[in-house]
Amino acid sequence: MTSDPDDALTWEGDDTPTQKDPSLPRGWNAVGKGSEDVGTIEDDGMVTPVGSDEPAGLSTPMLLILGVVGGVYLLYTVGWIVGGLRLKPLATFLVTDAMFLPWFVLAIAAPALWFLTGWVLTRARPAWIRVAVLLAGVVLLVPWPFVTVGVIGS
């Protein structure tokens, strides 16, 4: 064994055949435990990768949009709770508790239901449709009792 550092920079003594050698198998395997076939070499030397069944992940902008819109929906849920509780004395004057309570619970759950429904129904659609559906919920689900009366009320 030689210890000349220049030996590492030369191809001399390397008798490994090249990938264009027709006697080699037509695909390669990665080295290591659990390795799979990663592609095949075509006649022109191009590599055709093996397709994977894994779906592609979400892009960074889409993750940011989902995080911001999800945070807005969470704030809307809190707004519906606070606004609905502030509205309860006026609502009991107009309707009974049996009528107020189911709609109050539905109003609290509406942002989460819209987010989940928009997420599930737009799975196979382009990303802009998913964003449009989620932004439509931001516009439609504004907690008006909280916006008009606020935390303090009048």
N, C-alpha and C. Protein backbone atom coordinates (compact mmCIF):
# COMPACT_ATOMS: atom_id res chain seq x y z
N MET A 1 0.85 -1.17 0.00
CA MET A 1 0.00 0.00 0.00
C MET A 1 0.89 1.22 0.00
N THR A 2 0.61 2.11 -0.91
CA THR A 2 1.40 3.34 -0.97
C THR A 2 0.71 4.43 -0.18
N SER A 3 1.51 5.36 0.27
CA SER A 3 0.95 6.46 1.06
C SER A 3 1.08 7.78 0.33
N ASP A 4 1.27 7.72 -0.99
CA ASP A 4 1.40 8.94 -1.77
C ASP A 4 0.03 9.62 -1.88
N PRO A 5 -0.11 10.86 -1.43
CA PRO A 5 -1.42 11.53 -1.47
C PRO A 5 -1.91 11.79 -2.89
N ASP A 6 -1.03 11.82 -3.88
CA ASP A 6 -1.46 12.06 -5.25
C ASP A 6 -2.16 10.84 -5.85
N ASP A 7 -2.01 9.65 -5.24
CA ASP A 7 -2.68 8.46 -5.76
C ASP A 7 -4.21 8.60 -5.68
N ALA A 8 -4.69 9.36 -4.73
CA ALA A 8 -6.13 9.51 -4.59
C ALA A 8 -6.72 10.38 -5.70
N LEU A 9 -5.89 11.14 -6.38
CA LEU A 9 -6.38 12.05 -7.40
C LEU A 9 -6.27 11.49 -8.81
N THR A 10 -5.86 10.24 -8.97
CA THR A 10 -5.71 9.65 -10.30
C THR A 10 -6.65 8.46 -10.44
N TRP A 11 -6.88 8.11 -11.72
CA TRP A 11 -7.74 6.97 -12.01
C TRP A 11 -6.93 5.71 -12.32
N GLU A 12 -5.64 5.76 -12.17
CA GLU A 12 -4.80 4.61 -12.49
C GLU A 12 -5.11 3.46 -11.54
N GLY A 13 -5.16 2.29 -12.10
CA GLY A 13 -5.41 1.10 -11.30
C GLY A 13 -6.89 0.88 -11.02
N ASP A 14 -7.70 1.76 -11.47
CA ASP A 14 -9.14 1.61 -11.27
C ASP A 14 -9.69 0.81 -12.44
N ASP A 15 -10.01 -0.44 -12.19
CA ASP A 15 -10.48 -1.29 -13.27
C ASP A 15 -11.99 -1.51 -13.21
N THR A 16 -12.71 -0.58 -12.58
CA THR A 16 -14.17 -0.66 -12.55
C THR A 16 -14.71 -0.21 -13.91
N PRO A 17 -15.54 -1.01 -14.54
CA PRO A 17 -16.05 -0.62 -15.86
C PRO A 17 -17.01 0.57 -15.73
N THR A 18 -17.16 1.28 -16.84
CA THR A 18 -18.06 2.43 -16.84
C THR A 18 -19.50 1.96 -16.95
N GLN A 19 -20.45 2.88 -16.71
CA GLN A 19 -21.87 2.54 -16.75
C GLN A 19 -22.36 2.27 -18.17
N LYS A 20 -21.63 2.71 -19.19
CA LYS A 20 -22.07 2.46 -20.57
C LYS A 20 -21.66 1.09 -21.07
N ASP A 21 -21.01 0.31 -20.24
CA ASP A 21 -20.62 -1.05 -20.61
C ASP A 21 -21.88 -1.90 -20.77
N PRO A 22 -22.11 -2.49 -21.96
CA PRO A 22 -23.35 -3.26 -22.18
C PRO A 22 -23.43 -4.52 -21.33
N SER A 23 -22.33 -4.99 -20.77
CA SER A 23 -22.40 -6.20 -19.98
C SER A 23 -22.95 -5.95 -18.58
N LEU A 24 -23.05 -4.67 -18.18
CA LEU A 24 -23.59 -4.35 -16.86
C LEU A 24 -25.11 -4.45 -16.87
N PRO A 25 -25.71 -4.69 -15.70
CA PRO A 25 -27.17 -4.70 -15.65
C PRO A 25 -27.72 -3.31 -16.00
N ARG A 26 -28.98 -3.24 -16.45
CA ARG A 26 -29.55 -2.00 -16.94
C ARG A 26 -30.04 -1.07 -15.84
N GLY A 27 -29.98 -1.42 -14.61
CA GLY A 27 -30.38 -0.52 -13.51
C GLY A 27 -29.32 -0.53 -12.43
N TRP A 28 -29.36 0.46 -11.52
CA TRP A 28 -28.39 0.45 -10.44
C TRP A 28 -29.11 0.39 -9.13
N ASN A 29 -28.39 -0.04 -8.13
CA ASN A 29 -28.92 -0.08 -6.77
C ASN A 29 -28.08 0.82 -5.90
N ALA A 30 -28.75 1.52 -5.00
CA ALA A 30 -28.02 2.31 -4.02
C ALA A 30 -27.38 1.36 -3.02
N VAL A 31 -26.32 1.83 -2.40
CA VAL A 31 -25.61 0.99 -1.45
C VAL A 31 -26.19 1.23 -0.07
N GLY A 32 -26.45 0.17 0.64
CA GLY A 32 -26.92 0.31 2.01
C GLY A 32 -28.13 -0.57 2.27
N LYS A 33 -28.48 -0.61 3.55
CA LYS A 33 -29.61 -1.42 3.98
C LYS A 33 -30.91 -0.84 3.43
N GLY A 34 -31.77 -1.66 2.90
CA GLY A 34 -33.05 -1.22 2.38
C GLY A 34 -32.95 -0.48 1.07
N SER A 35 -31.89 -0.70 0.30
CA SER A 35 -31.73 0.01 -0.96
C SER A 35 -32.73 -0.49 -1.98
N GLU A 36 -33.13 0.43 -2.85
CA GLU A 36 -34.06 0.08 -3.91
C GLU A 36 -33.46 0.49 -5.24
N ASP A 37 -34.10 0.06 -6.30
CA ASP A 37 -33.69 0.47 -7.64
C ASP A 37 -34.02 1.95 -7.80
N VAL A 38 -33.04 2.77 -8.14
CA VAL A 38 -33.26 4.20 -8.25
C VAL A 38 -33.44 4.67 -9.68
N GLY A 39 -33.15 3.82 -10.66
CA GLY A 39 -33.34 4.25 -12.04
C GLY A 39 -32.68 3.29 -13.01
N THR A 40 -32.91 3.55 -14.29
CA THR A 40 -32.30 2.74 -15.33
C THR A 40 -31.54 3.66 -16.28
N ILE A 41 -30.50 3.11 -16.89
CA ILE A 41 -29.68 3.87 -17.82
C ILE A 41 -30.15 3.56 -19.24
N GLU A 42 -30.49 4.60 -19.97
CA GLU A 42 -30.93 4.43 -21.35
C GLU A 42 -29.72 4.28 -22.25
N ASP A 43 -29.94 4.01 -23.54
CA ASP A 43 -28.86 3.83 -24.49
C ASP A 43 -28.04 5.09 -24.70
N ASP A 44 -28.68 6.26 -24.55
CA ASP A 44 -27.94 7.51 -24.75
C ASP A 44 -27.24 8.00 -23.49
N GLY A 45 -27.24 7.20 -22.44
CA GLY A 45 -26.55 7.55 -21.20
C GLY A 45 -27.41 8.31 -20.20
N MET A 46 -28.66 8.64 -20.56
CA MET A 46 -29.55 9.35 -19.65
C MET A 46 -30.13 8.38 -18.63
N VAL A 47 -30.38 8.88 -17.45
CA VAL A 47 -30.94 8.05 -16.39
C VAL A 47 -32.43 8.34 -16.27
N THR A 48 -33.23 7.29 -16.29
CA THR A 48 -34.67 7.42 -16.09
C THR A 48 -34.97 6.98 -14.65
N PRO A 49 -35.41 7.92 -13.80
CA PRO A 49 -35.67 7.54 -12.41
C PRO A 49 -36.92 6.69 -12.29
N VAL A 50 -36.92 5.85 -11.26
CA VAL A 50 -38.08 5.03 -10.97
C VAL A 50 -39.09 5.91 -10.24
N GLY A 51 -40.35 5.89 -10.67
CA GLY A 51 -41.39 6.70 -10.03
C GLY A 51 -41.70 6.19 -8.63
N SER A 52 -42.08 7.12 -7.76
CA SER A 52 -42.44 6.72 -6.41
C SER A 52 -43.94 6.92 -6.22
N ASP A 53 -44.52 6.15 -5.34
CA ASP A 53 -45.94 6.24 -5.05
C ASP A 53 -46.23 7.28 -3.98
N GLU A 54 -45.20 7.91 -3.43
CA GLU A 54 -45.37 8.91 -2.38
C GLU A 54 -45.90 10.21 -2.97
N PRO A 55 -46.93 10.81 -2.35
CA PRO A 55 -47.38 12.11 -2.86
C PRO A 55 -46.38 13.19 -2.48
N ALA A 56 -46.32 14.21 -3.31
CA ALA A 56 -45.41 15.32 -3.03
C ALA A 56 -45.92 16.10 -1.82
N GLY A 57 -45.01 16.64 -1.04
CA GLY A 57 -45.38 17.42 0.12
C GLY A 57 -45.86 18.81 -0.28
N LEU A 58 -46.35 19.56 0.70
CA LEU A 58 -46.81 20.92 0.45
C LEU A 58 -45.62 21.85 0.31
N SER A 59 -45.77 22.85 -0.52
CA SER A 59 -44.71 23.83 -0.71
C SER A 59 -44.66 24.76 0.50
N THR A 60 -43.56 25.48 0.62
CA THR A 60 -43.40 26.41 1.73
C THR A 60 -44.44 27.53 1.70
N PRO A 61 -44.72 28.16 0.56
CA PRO A 61 -45.77 29.19 0.57
C PRO A 61 -47.15 28.63 0.97
N MET A 62 -47.46 27.41 0.53
CA MET A 62 -48.74 26.82 0.90
C MET A 62 -48.80 26.53 2.39
N LEU A 63 -47.71 26.07 2.97
CA LEU A 63 -47.68 25.85 4.41
C LEU A 63 -47.84 27.15 5.18
N LEU A 64 -47.22 28.22 4.69
CA LEU A 64 -47.38 29.53 5.34
C LEU A 64 -48.82 30.02 5.25
N ILE A 65 -49.43 29.87 4.08
CA ILE A 65 -50.82 30.29 3.92
C ILE A 65 -51.73 29.49 4.83
N LEU A 66 -51.52 28.18 4.90
CA LEU A 66 -52.34 27.35 5.78
C LEU A 66 -52.17 27.73 7.24
N GLY A 67 -50.94 28.05 7.63
CA GLY A 67 -50.70 28.46 9.01
C GLY A 67 -51.37 29.78 9.35
N VAL A 68 -51.28 30.74 8.45
CA VAL A 68 -51.89 32.05 8.70
C VAL A 68 -53.41 31.94 8.71
N VAL A 69 -53.97 31.25 7.72
CA VAL A 69 -55.42 31.11 7.66
C VAL A 69 -55.93 30.27 8.83
N GLY A 70 -55.20 29.24 9.20
CA GLY A 70 -55.58 28.45 10.38
C GLY A 70 -55.56 29.29 11.65
N GLY A 71 -54.58 30.18 11.78
CA GLY A 71 -54.53 31.08 12.92
C GLY A 71 -55.69 32.06 12.92
N VAL A 72 -56.06 32.56 11.75
CA VAL A 72 -57.21 33.46 11.64
C VAL A 72 -58.48 32.72 12.05
N TYR A 73 -58.63 31.48 11.60
CA TYR A 73 -59.81 30.69 11.97
C TYR A 73 -59.84 30.43 13.48
N LEU A 74 -58.69 30.21 14.07
CA LEU A 74 -58.65 30.02 15.52
C LEU A 74 -59.07 31.30 16.24
N LEU A 75 -58.61 32.45 15.76
CA LEU A 75 -59.04 33.72 16.34
C LEU A 75 -60.54 33.95 16.11
N TYR A 76 -61.05 33.52 14.97
CA TYR A 76 -62.49 33.63 14.72
C TYR A 76 -63.28 32.77 15.72
N THR A 77 -62.78 31.59 16.03
CA THR A 77 -63.45 30.74 17.01
C THR A 77 -63.52 31.44 18.36
N VAL A 78 -62.41 32.03 18.79
CA VAL A 78 -62.40 32.77 20.04
C VAL A 78 -63.34 33.97 19.95
N GLY A 79 -63.35 34.66 18.81
CA GLY A 79 -64.25 35.80 18.61
C GLY A 79 -65.71 35.40 18.69
N TRP A 80 -66.06 34.24 18.13
CA TRP A 80 -67.45 33.78 18.21
C TRP A 80 -67.82 33.41 19.65
N ILE A 81 -66.88 32.86 20.39
CA ILE A 81 -67.17 32.53 21.80
C ILE A 81 -67.41 33.81 22.59
N VAL A 82 -66.48 34.74 22.50
CA VAL A 82 -66.59 35.98 23.26
C VAL A 82 -67.79 36.80 22.80
N GLY A 83 -67.94 36.96 21.50
CA GLY A 83 -69.06 37.75 20.97
C GLY A 83 -70.41 37.12 21.27
N GLY A 84 -70.47 35.79 21.16
CA GLY A 84 -71.73 35.11 21.46
C GLY A 84 -72.11 35.20 22.92
N LEU A 85 -71.13 35.11 23.81
CA LEU A 85 -71.43 35.26 25.24
C LEU A 85 -71.85 36.68 25.57
N ARG A 86 -71.27 37.66 24.88
CA ARG A 86 -71.68 39.05 25.09
C ARG A 86 -73.08 39.31 24.52
N LEU A 87 -73.47 38.54 23.52
CA LEU A 87 -74.76 38.70 22.88
C LEU A 87 -75.87 37.93 23.58
N LYS A 88 -75.52 37.02 24.46
CA LYS A 88 -76.50 36.14 25.11
C LYS A 88 -77.59 36.91 25.85
N PRO A 89 -77.32 37.95 26.65
CA PRO A 89 -78.43 38.66 27.32
C PRO A 89 -79.46 39.23 26.34
N LEU A 90 -78.99 39.78 25.24
CA LEU A 90 -79.90 40.31 24.24
C LEU A 90 -80.63 39.18 23.52
N ALA A 91 -79.94 38.08 23.27
CA ALA A 91 -80.55 36.96 22.56
C ALA A 91 -81.61 36.29 23.41
N THR A 92 -81.41 36.17 24.73
CA THR A 92 -82.43 35.56 25.58
C THR A 92 -83.67 36.43 25.68
N PHE A 93 -83.53 37.71 25.42
CA PHE A 93 -84.69 38.59 25.36
C PHE A 93 -85.53 38.29 24.12
N LEU A 94 -84.87 37.90 23.03
CA LEU A 94 -85.56 37.66 21.76
C LEU A 94 -85.95 36.19 21.54
N VAL A 95 -85.08 35.26 21.89
CA VAL A 95 -85.33 33.83 21.65
C VAL A 95 -85.02 33.05 22.92
N THR A 96 -85.51 31.82 23.00
CA THR A 96 -85.25 30.99 24.17
C THR A 96 -83.84 30.40 24.09
N ASP A 97 -83.39 29.88 25.22
CA ASP A 97 -82.06 29.25 25.26
C ASP A 97 -82.01 28.01 24.37
N ALA A 98 -83.12 27.32 24.22
CA ALA A 98 -83.16 26.13 23.37
C ALA A 98 -82.90 26.49 21.90
N MET A 99 -83.21 27.70 21.52
CA MET A 99 -82.93 28.13 20.15
C MET A 99 -81.54 28.75 20.04
N PHE A 100 -81.11 29.42 21.10
CA PHE A 100 -79.82 30.13 21.04
C PHE A 100 -78.63 29.18 21.10
N LEU A 101 -78.70 28.18 21.98
CA LEU A 101 -77.54 27.31 22.24
C LEU A 101 -77.07 26.52 21.02
N PRO A 102 -77.94 25.86 20.26
CA PRO A 102 -77.43 25.11 19.09
C PRO A 102 -76.75 26.02 18.06
N TRP A 103 -77.29 27.19 17.82
CA TRP A 103 -76.70 28.10 16.85
C TRP A 103 -75.41 28.70 17.38
N PHE A 104 -75.34 28.88 18.67
CA PHE A 104 -74.11 29.37 19.29
C PHE A 104 -72.99 28.34 19.13
N VAL A 105 -73.29 27.08 19.39
CA VAL A 105 -72.30 26.01 19.23
C VAL A 105 -71.90 25.86 17.77
N LEU A 106 -72.86 25.96 16.87
CA LEU A 106 -72.55 25.86 15.44
C LEU A 106 -71.68 27.04 14.98
N ALA A 107 -71.95 28.23 15.51
CA ALA A 107 -71.14 29.39 15.15
C ALA A 107 -69.71 29.23 15.65
N ILE A 108 -69.54 28.63 16.82
CA ILE A 108 -68.19 28.39 17.35
C ILE A 108 -67.46 27.35 16.49
N ALA A 109 -68.17 26.33 16.05
CA ALA A 109 -67.55 25.25 15.27
C ALA A 109 -67.38 25.60 13.79
N ALA A 110 -68.04 26.65 13.32
CA ALA A 110 -68.03 26.97 11.89
C ALA A 110 -66.64 27.17 11.31
N PRO A 111 -65.72 27.94 11.95
CA PRO A 111 -64.39 28.09 11.35
C PRO A 111 -63.64 26.77 11.21
N ALA A 112 -63.71 25.92 12.23
CA ALA A 112 -63.02 24.63 12.14
C ALA A 112 -63.66 23.74 11.08
N LEU A 113 -64.99 23.77 11.00
CA LEU A 113 -65.68 22.97 9.99
C LEU A 113 -65.36 23.46 8.57
N TRP A 114 -65.29 24.77 8.40
CA TRP A 114 -64.96 25.32 7.07
C TRP A 114 -63.54 24.92 6.67
N PHE A 115 -62.60 25.03 7.61
CA PHE A 115 -61.20 24.68 7.32
C PHE A 115 -61.10 23.20 6.94
N LEU A 116 -61.72 22.33 7.74
CA LEU A 116 -61.65 20.90 7.47
C LEU A 116 -62.35 20.54 6.17
N THR A 117 -63.52 21.11 5.93
CA THR A 117 -64.24 20.82 4.70
C THR A 117 -63.48 21.35 3.47
N GLY A 118 -62.96 22.56 3.58
CA GLY A 118 -62.18 23.11 2.47
C GLY A 118 -60.93 22.30 2.20
N TRP A 119 -60.31 21.79 3.23
CA TRP A 119 -59.10 20.97 3.08
C TRP A 119 -59.43 19.64 2.39
N VAL A 120 -60.49 18.98 2.84
CA VAL A 120 -60.82 17.66 2.31
C VAL A 120 -61.36 17.75 0.88
N LEU A 121 -62.24 18.72 0.62
CA LEU A 121 -62.88 18.77 -0.69
C LEU A 121 -61.98 19.31 -1.79
N THR A 122 -60.88 19.98 -1.43
CA THR A 122 -59.98 20.51 -2.45
C THR A 122 -58.67 19.74 -2.52
N ARG A 123 -58.66 18.52 -2.04
CA ARG A 123 -57.44 17.72 -2.06
C ARG A 123 -56.91 17.48 -3.47
N ALA A 124 -57.77 17.15 -4.40
CA ALA A 124 -57.32 16.81 -5.75
C ALA A 124 -57.35 18.02 -6.68
N ARG A 125 -57.56 19.18 -6.17
CA ARG A 125 -57.65 20.41 -6.97
C ARG A 125 -56.33 21.16 -6.93
N PRO A 126 -56.17 22.13 -7.83
CA PRO A 126 -54.97 22.96 -7.79
C PRO A 126 -54.91 23.78 -6.49
N ALA A 127 -53.72 24.22 -6.16
CA ALA A 127 -53.51 24.92 -4.88
C ALA A 127 -54.27 26.24 -4.83
N TRP A 128 -54.43 26.92 -5.96
CA TRP A 128 -55.11 28.21 -5.91
C TRP A 128 -56.59 28.06 -5.55
N ILE A 129 -57.20 26.93 -5.89
CA ILE A 129 -58.59 26.70 -5.52
C ILE A 129 -58.69 26.50 -4.01
N ARG A 130 -57.76 25.75 -3.44
CA ARG A 130 -57.75 25.54 -1.99
C ARG A 130 -57.57 26.87 -1.27
N VAL A 131 -56.67 27.70 -1.75
CA VAL A 131 -56.44 29.00 -1.13
C VAL A 131 -57.69 29.87 -1.26
N ALA A 132 -58.34 29.84 -2.42
CA ALA A 132 -59.54 30.64 -2.63
C ALA A 132 -60.67 30.20 -1.70
N VAL A 133 -60.84 28.91 -1.50
CA VAL A 133 -61.88 28.42 -0.60
C VAL A 133 -61.59 28.83 0.83
N LEU A 134 -60.33 28.71 1.25
CA LEU A 134 -59.98 29.10 2.61
C LEU A 134 -60.11 30.59 2.83
N LEU A 135 -59.75 31.40 1.83
CA LEU A 135 -59.89 32.85 1.97
C LEU A 135 -61.36 33.28 1.92
N ALA A 136 -62.18 32.54 1.19
CA ALA A 136 -63.62 32.82 1.22
C ALA A 136 -64.17 32.61 2.62
N GLY A 137 -63.69 31.60 3.32
CA GLY A 137 -64.10 31.39 4.70
C GLY A 137 -63.65 32.50 5.62
N VAL A 138 -62.47 33.07 5.35
CA VAL A 138 -62.00 34.19 6.15
C VAL A 138 -62.95 35.38 6.01
N VAL A 139 -63.47 35.58 4.81
CA VAL A 139 -64.39 36.70 4.57
C VAL A 139 -65.78 36.39 5.14
N LEU A 140 -66.27 35.18 4.96
CA LEU A 140 -67.65 34.85 5.32
C LEU A 140 -67.85 34.57 6.81
N LEU A 141 -66.83 34.14 7.51
CA LEU A 141 -67.01 33.70 8.90
C LEU A 141 -66.59 34.74 9.94
N VAL A 142 -66.54 35.99 9.56
CA VAL A 142 -66.15 37.04 10.50
C VAL A 142 -67.12 37.01 11.69
N PRO A 143 -66.61 37.00 12.92
CA PRO A 143 -67.49 36.98 14.10
C PRO A 143 -68.11 38.36 14.35
N TRP A 144 -69.23 38.63 13.67
CA TRP A 144 -69.84 39.95 13.73
C TRP A 144 -70.26 40.38 15.13
N PRO A 145 -70.74 39.49 16.00
CA PRO A 145 -71.04 39.96 17.36
C PRO A 145 -69.81 40.52 18.08
N PHE A 146 -68.67 39.91 17.84
CA PHE A 146 -67.44 40.41 18.45
C PHE A 146 -66.99 41.71 17.80
N VAL A 147 -67.12 41.79 16.49
CA VAL A 147 -66.68 42.98 15.77
C VAL A 147 -67.55 44.19 16.14
N THR A 148 -68.86 44.00 16.21
CA THR A 148 -69.75 45.12 16.48
C THR A 148 -69.83 45.48 17.95
N VAL A 149 -69.93 44.48 18.82
CA VAL A 149 -70.08 44.75 20.26
C VAL A 149 -68.73 44.81 20.93
N GLY A 150 -67.80 43.96 20.52
CA GLY A 150 -66.48 43.94 21.12
C GLY A 150 -66.47 43.19 22.44
N VAL A 151 -65.35 43.26 23.13
CA VAL A 151 -65.20 42.57 24.41
C VAL A 151 -65.94 43.32 25.50
N ILE A 152 -65.90 44.62 25.46
CA ILE A 152 -66.50 45.44 26.53
C ILE A 152 -68.00 45.52 26.37
N GLY A 153 -68.47 45.71 25.17
CA GLY A 153 -69.91 45.82 24.93
C GLY A 153 -70.41 47.20 25.30
N SER A 154 -71.70 47.40 25.10
CA SER A 154 -72.26 48.70 25.43
C SER A 154 -73.41 48.57 26.40
